[in-house]
Amino acid sequence: MEFLKELFLFIKERKKYWLIPILLVLAIFGFLIVLTQGTAIAPFVYTIF
C-alpha cells in the first residue's frame, strides 16, 4: 500500500494527471488476465491482445 500512496503523491505533486488513465487501463487489463486465467473465457480474452 505504501507504493500506491507514494505513486498518488507523486502524481499530485508533479501534476502528472495524464498518468491516471494509463494506470487505470493497465490495472483493468491486469485484472482481466488474472480473473480469466484458467477458465474457458481465457482464449477469447487473449485474442483481444
PDB file of N, CA and C in Angstrom:
ATOM      1  N   MET A   1       0.821  -1.198   0.000  1.00  0.00           N
ATOM      2  CA  MET A   1       0.000   0.000   0.000  1.00  0.00           C
ATOM      3  C   MET A   1       0.867   1.264   0.000  1.00  0.00           C
ATOM      4  N   GLU A   2       2.065   1.148   0.520  1.00  0.00           N
ATOM      5  CA  GLU A   2       2.968   2.304   0.551  1.00  0.00           C
ATOM      6  C   GLU A   2       3.305   2.767  -0.872  1.00  0.00           C
ATOM      7  N   PHE A   3       3.467   1.806  -1.778  1.00  0.00           N
ATOM      8  CA  PHE A   3       3.784   2.139  -3.166  1.00  0.00           C
ATOM      9  C   PHE A   3       2.665   2.964  -3.799  1.00  0.00           C
ATOM     10  N   LEU A   4       1.421   2.546  -3.598  1.00  0.00           N
ATOM     11  CA  LEU A   4       0.298   3.282  -4.165  1.00  0.00           C
ATOM     12  C   LEU A   4       0.189   4.682  -3.584  1.00  0.00           C
ATOM     13  N   LYS A   5       0.444   4.787  -2.282  1.00  0.00           N
ATOM     14  CA  LYS A   5       0.402   6.093  -1.623  1.00  0.00           C
ATOM     15  C   LYS A   5       1.453   7.031  -2.225  1.00  0.00           C
ATOM     16  N   GLU A   6       2.669   6.507  -2.398  1.00  0.00           N
ATOM     17  CA  GLU A   6       3.737   7.329  -2.974  1.00  0.00           C
ATOM     18  C   GLU A   6       3.459   7.671  -4.436  1.00  0.00           C
ATOM     19  N   LEU A   7       2.870   6.737  -5.159  1.00  0.00           N
ATOM     20  CA  LEU A   7       2.542   6.992  -6.560  1.00  0.00           C
ATOM     21  C   LEU A   7       1.538   8.135  -6.683  1.00  0.00           C
ATOM     22  N   PHE A   8       0.486   8.101  -5.873  1.00  0.00           N
ATOM     23  CA  PHE A   8      -0.516   9.169  -5.940  1.00  0.00           C
ATOM     24  C   PHE A   8       0.047  10.505  -5.451  1.00  0.00           C
ATOM     25  N   LEU A   9       0.931  10.473  -4.460  1.00  0.00           N
ATOM     26  CA  LEU A   9       1.579  11.716  -4.036  1.00  0.00           C
ATOM     27  C   LEU A   9       2.457  12.287  -5.146  1.00  0.00           C
ATOM     28  N   PHE A  10       3.158  11.400  -5.861  1.00  0.00           N
ATOM     29  CA  PHE A  10       3.985  11.838  -6.981  1.00  0.00           C
ATOM     30  C   PHE A  10       3.128  12.496  -8.060  1.00  0.00           C
ATOM     31  N   ILE A  11       2.003  11.841  -8.404  1.00  0.00           N
ATOM     32  CA  ILE A  11       1.117  12.391  -9.433  1.00  0.00           C
ATOM     33  C   ILE A  11       0.563  13.742  -9.000  1.00  0.00           C
ATOM     34  N   LYS A  12       0.228  13.853  -7.736  1.00  0.00           N
ATOM     35  CA  LYS A  12      -0.342  15.100  -7.232  1.00  0.00           C
ATOM     36  C   LYS A  12       0.694  16.225  -7.204  1.00  0.00           C
ATOM     37  N   GLU A  13       1.896  15.920  -6.721  1.00  0.00           N
ATOM     38  CA  GLU A  13       2.925  16.960  -6.609  1.00  0.00           C
ATOM     39  C   GLU A  13       3.431  17.422  -7.964  1.00  0.00           C
ATOM     40  N   ARG A  14       3.676  16.484  -8.863  1.00  0.00           N
ATOM     41  CA  ARG A  14       4.256  16.824 -10.163  1.00  0.00           C
ATOM     42  C   ARG A  14       3.197  17.198 -11.206  1.00  0.00           C
ATOM     43  N   LYS A  15       1.921  17.108 -10.808  1.00  0.00           N
ATOM     44  CA  LYS A  15       0.798  17.422 -11.693  1.00  0.00           C
ATOM     45  C   LYS A  15       0.850  16.595 -12.976  1.00  0.00           C
ATOM     46  N   LYS A  16       1.074  15.310 -12.812  1.00  0.00           N
ATOM     47  CA  LYS A  16       1.105  14.363 -13.934  1.00  0.00           C
ATOM     48  C   LYS A  16      -0.226  13.620 -13.998  1.00  0.00           C
ATOM     49  N   TYR A  17      -1.298  14.372 -14.122  1.00  0.00           N
ATOM     50  CA  TYR A  17      -2.630  13.782 -14.099  1.00  0.00           C
ATOM     51  C   TYR A  17      -2.910  12.911 -15.317  1.00  0.00           C
ATOM     52  N   TRP A  18      -2.135  13.065 -16.379  1.00  0.00           N
ATOM     53  CA  TRP A  18      -2.329  12.251 -17.566  1.00  0.00           C
ATOM     54  C   TRP A  18      -1.923  10.799 -17.320  1.00  0.00           C
ATOM     55  N   LEU A  19      -1.227  10.513 -16.231  1.00  0.00           N
ATOM     56  CA  LEU A  19      -0.840   9.140 -15.910  1.00  0.00           C
ATOM     57  C   LEU A  19      -2.009   8.320 -15.365  1.00  0.00           C
ATOM     58  N   ILE A  20      -3.004   8.979 -14.803  1.00  0.00           N
ATOM     59  CA  ILE A  20      -4.111   8.263 -14.156  1.00  0.00           C
ATOM     60  C   ILE A  20      -4.877   7.371 -15.139  1.00  0.00           C
ATOM     61  N   PRO A  21      -5.281   7.842 -16.324  1.00  0.00           N
ATOM     62  CA  PRO A  21      -5.992   6.936 -17.247  1.00  0.00           C
ATOM     63  C   PRO A  21      -5.130   5.756 -17.702  1.00  0.00           C
ATOM     64  N   ILE A  22      -3.845   5.994 -17.901  1.00  0.00           N
ATOM     65  CA  ILE A  22      -2.949   4.916 -18.316  1.00  0.00           C
ATOM     66  C   ILE A  22      -2.871   3.847 -17.234  1.00  0.00           C
ATOM     67  N   LEU A  23      -2.722   4.263 -15.998  1.00  0.00           N
ATOM     68  CA  LEU A  23      -2.639   3.308 -14.892  1.00  0.00           C
ATOM     69  C   LEU A  23      -3.949   2.552 -14.704  1.00  0.00           C
ATOM     70  N   LEU A  24      -5.064   3.236 -14.897  1.00  0.00           N
ATOM     71  CA  LEU A  24      -6.360   2.564 -14.775  1.00  0.00           C
ATOM     72  C   LEU A  24      -6.547   1.488 -15.851  1.00  0.00           C
ATOM     73  N   VAL A  25      -6.174   1.802 -17.077  1.00  0.00           N
ATOM     74  CA  VAL A  25      -6.305   0.826 -18.162  1.00  0.00           C
ATOM     75  C   VAL A  25      -5.393  -0.375 -17.909  1.00  0.00           C
ATOM     76  N   LEU A  26      -4.169  -0.136 -17.471  1.00  0.00           N
ATOM     77  CA  LEU A  26      -3.257  -1.235 -17.161  1.00  0.00           C
ATOM     78  C   LEU A  26      -3.796  -2.098 -16.025  1.00  0.00           C
ATOM     79  N   ALA A  27      -4.378  -1.474 -15.024  1.00  0.00           N
ATOM     80  CA  ALA A  27      -4.948  -2.232 -13.908  1.00  0.00           C
ATOM     81  C   ALA A  27      -6.137  -3.072 -14.356  1.00  0.00           C
ATOM     82  N   ILE A  28      -6.979  -2.528 -15.214  1.00  0.00           N
ATOM     83  CA  ILE A  28      -8.129  -3.283 -15.715  1.00  0.00           C
ATOM     84  C   ILE A  28      -7.677  -4.475 -16.545  1.00  0.00           C
ATOM     85  N   PHE A  29      -6.702  -4.276 -17.432  1.00  0.00           N
ATOM     86  CA  PHE A  29      -6.191  -5.391 -18.227  1.00  0.00           C
ATOM     87  C   PHE A  29      -5.544  -6.452 -17.347  1.00  0.00           C
ATOM     88  N   GLY A  30      -4.791  -6.027 -16.360  1.00  0.00           N
ATOM     89  CA  GLY A  30      -4.179  -6.981 -15.439  1.00  0.00           C
ATOM     90  C   GLY A  30      -5.217  -7.769 -14.678  1.00  0.00           C
ATOM     91  N   PHE A  31      -6.256  -7.099 -14.232  1.00  0.00           N
ATOM     92  CA  PHE A  31      -7.335  -7.777 -13.518  1.00  0.00           C
ATOM     93  C   PHE A  31      -8.052  -8.763 -14.430  1.00  0.00           C
ATOM     94  N   LEU A  32      -8.277  -8.380 -15.679  1.00  0.00           N
ATOM     95  CA  LEU A  32      -8.919  -9.278 -16.639  1.00  0.00           C
ATOM     96  C   LEU A  32      -8.101 -10.543 -16.862  1.00  0.00           C
ATOM     97  N   ILE A  33      -6.806 -10.388 -17.007  1.00  0.00           N
ATOM     98  CA  ILE A  33      -5.939 -11.539 -17.246  1.00  0.00           C
ATOM     99  C   ILE A  33      -5.927 -12.461 -16.040  1.00  0.00           C
ATOM    100  N   VAL A  34      -5.822 -11.898 -14.850  1.00  0.00           N
ATOM    101  CA  VAL A  34      -5.811 -12.724 -13.637  1.00  0.00           C
ATOM    102  C   VAL A  34      -7.161 -13.402 -13.433  1.00  0.00           C
ATOM    103  N   LEU A  35      -8.229 -12.687 -13.695  1.00  0.00           N
ATOM    104  CA  LEU A  35      -9.567 -13.224 -13.488  1.00  0.00           C
ATOM    105  C   LEU A  35      -9.884 -14.376 -14.436  1.00  0.00           C
ATOM    106  N   THR A  36      -9.470 -14.250 -15.684  1.00  0.00           N
ATOM    107  CA  THR A  36      -9.847 -15.252 -16.680  1.00  0.00           C
ATOM    108  C   THR A  36      -8.812 -16.356 -16.854  1.00  0.00           C
ATOM    109  N   GLN A  37      -7.729 -16.307 -16.141  1.00  0.00           N
ATOM    110  CA  GLN A  37      -6.698 -17.334 -16.283  1.00  0.00           C
ATOM    111  C   GLN A  37      -7.238 -18.677 -15.785  1.00  0.00           C
ATOM    112  N   GLY A  38      -7.160 -19.657 -16.632  1.00  0.00           N
ATOM    113  CA  GLY A  38      -7.603 -20.983 -16.255  1.00  0.00           C
ATOM    114  C   GLY A  38      -9.079 -21.237 -16.472  1.00  0.00           C
ATOM    115  N   THR A  39      -9.781 -20.330 -17.107  1.00  0.00           N
ATOM    116  CA  THR A  39     -11.207 -20.550 -17.374  1.00  0.00           C
ATOM    117  C   THR A  39     -11.423 -20.742 -18.870  1.00  0.00           C
ATOM    118  N   ALA A  40     -12.625 -21.049 -19.232  1.00  0.00           N
ATOM    119  CA  ALA A  40     -12.956 -21.241 -20.646  1.00  0.00           C
ATOM    120  C   ALA A  40     -12.989 -19.913 -21.406  1.00  0.00           C
ATOM    121  N   ILE A  41     -13.030 -18.812 -20.691  1.00  0.00           N
ATOM    122  CA  ILE A  41     -13.082 -17.488 -21.328  1.00  0.00           C
ATOM    123  C   ILE A  41     -11.698 -17.029 -21.777  1.00  0.00           C
ATOM    124  N   ALA A  42     -10.648 -17.601 -21.194  1.00  0.00           N
ATOM    125  CA  ALA A  42      -9.281 -17.155 -21.439  1.00  0.00           C
ATOM    126  C   ALA A  42      -8.913 -17.063 -22.922  1.00  0.00           C
ATOM    127  N   PRO A  43      -9.203 -18.053 -23.761  1.00  0.00           N
ATOM    128  CA  PRO A  43      -8.815 -17.917 -25.175  1.00  0.00           C
ATOM    129  C   PRO A  43      -9.463 -16.716 -25.869  1.00  0.00           C
ATOM    130  N   PHE A  44     -10.666 -16.363 -25.468  1.00  0.00           N
ATOM    131  CA  PHE A  44     -11.340 -15.225 -26.094  1.00  0.00           C
ATOM    132  C   PHE A  44     -10.754 -13.903 -25.628  1.00  0.00           C
ATOM    133  N   VAL A  45     -10.336 -13.830 -24.384  1.00  0.00           N
ATOM    134  CA  VAL A  45      -9.725 -12.605 -23.878  1.00  0.00           C
ATOM    135  C   VAL A  45      -8.354 -12.407 -24.491  1.00  0.00           C
ATOM    136  N   TYR A  46      -7.579 -13.468 -24.664  1.00  0.00           N
ATOM    137  CA  TYR A  46      -6.229 -13.345 -25.223  1.00  0.00           C
ATOM    138  C   TYR A  46      -6.257 -12.948 -26.687  1.00  0.00           C
ATOM    139  N   THR A  47      -7.347 -13.219 -27.393  1.00  0.00           N
ATOM    140  CA  THR A  47      -7.415 -12.783 -28.791  1.00  0.00           C
ATOM    141  C   THR A  47      -7.562 -11.273 -28.901  1.00  0.00           C
ATOM    142  N   ILE A  48      -8.046 -10.623 -27.857  1.00  0.00           N
ATOM    143  CA  ILE A  48      -8.163  -9.161 -27.856  1.00  0.00           C
ATOM    144  C   ILE A  48      -6.779  -8.526 -27.916  1.00  0.00           C
ATOM    145  N   PHE A  49      -5.816  -9.148 -27.244  1.00  0.00           N
ATOM    146  CA  PHE A  49      -4.467  -8.600 -27.185  1.00  0.00           C
ATOM    147  C   PHE A  49      -3.665  -9.086 -28.359  1.00  0.00           C
TER     148      PHE A  49
END
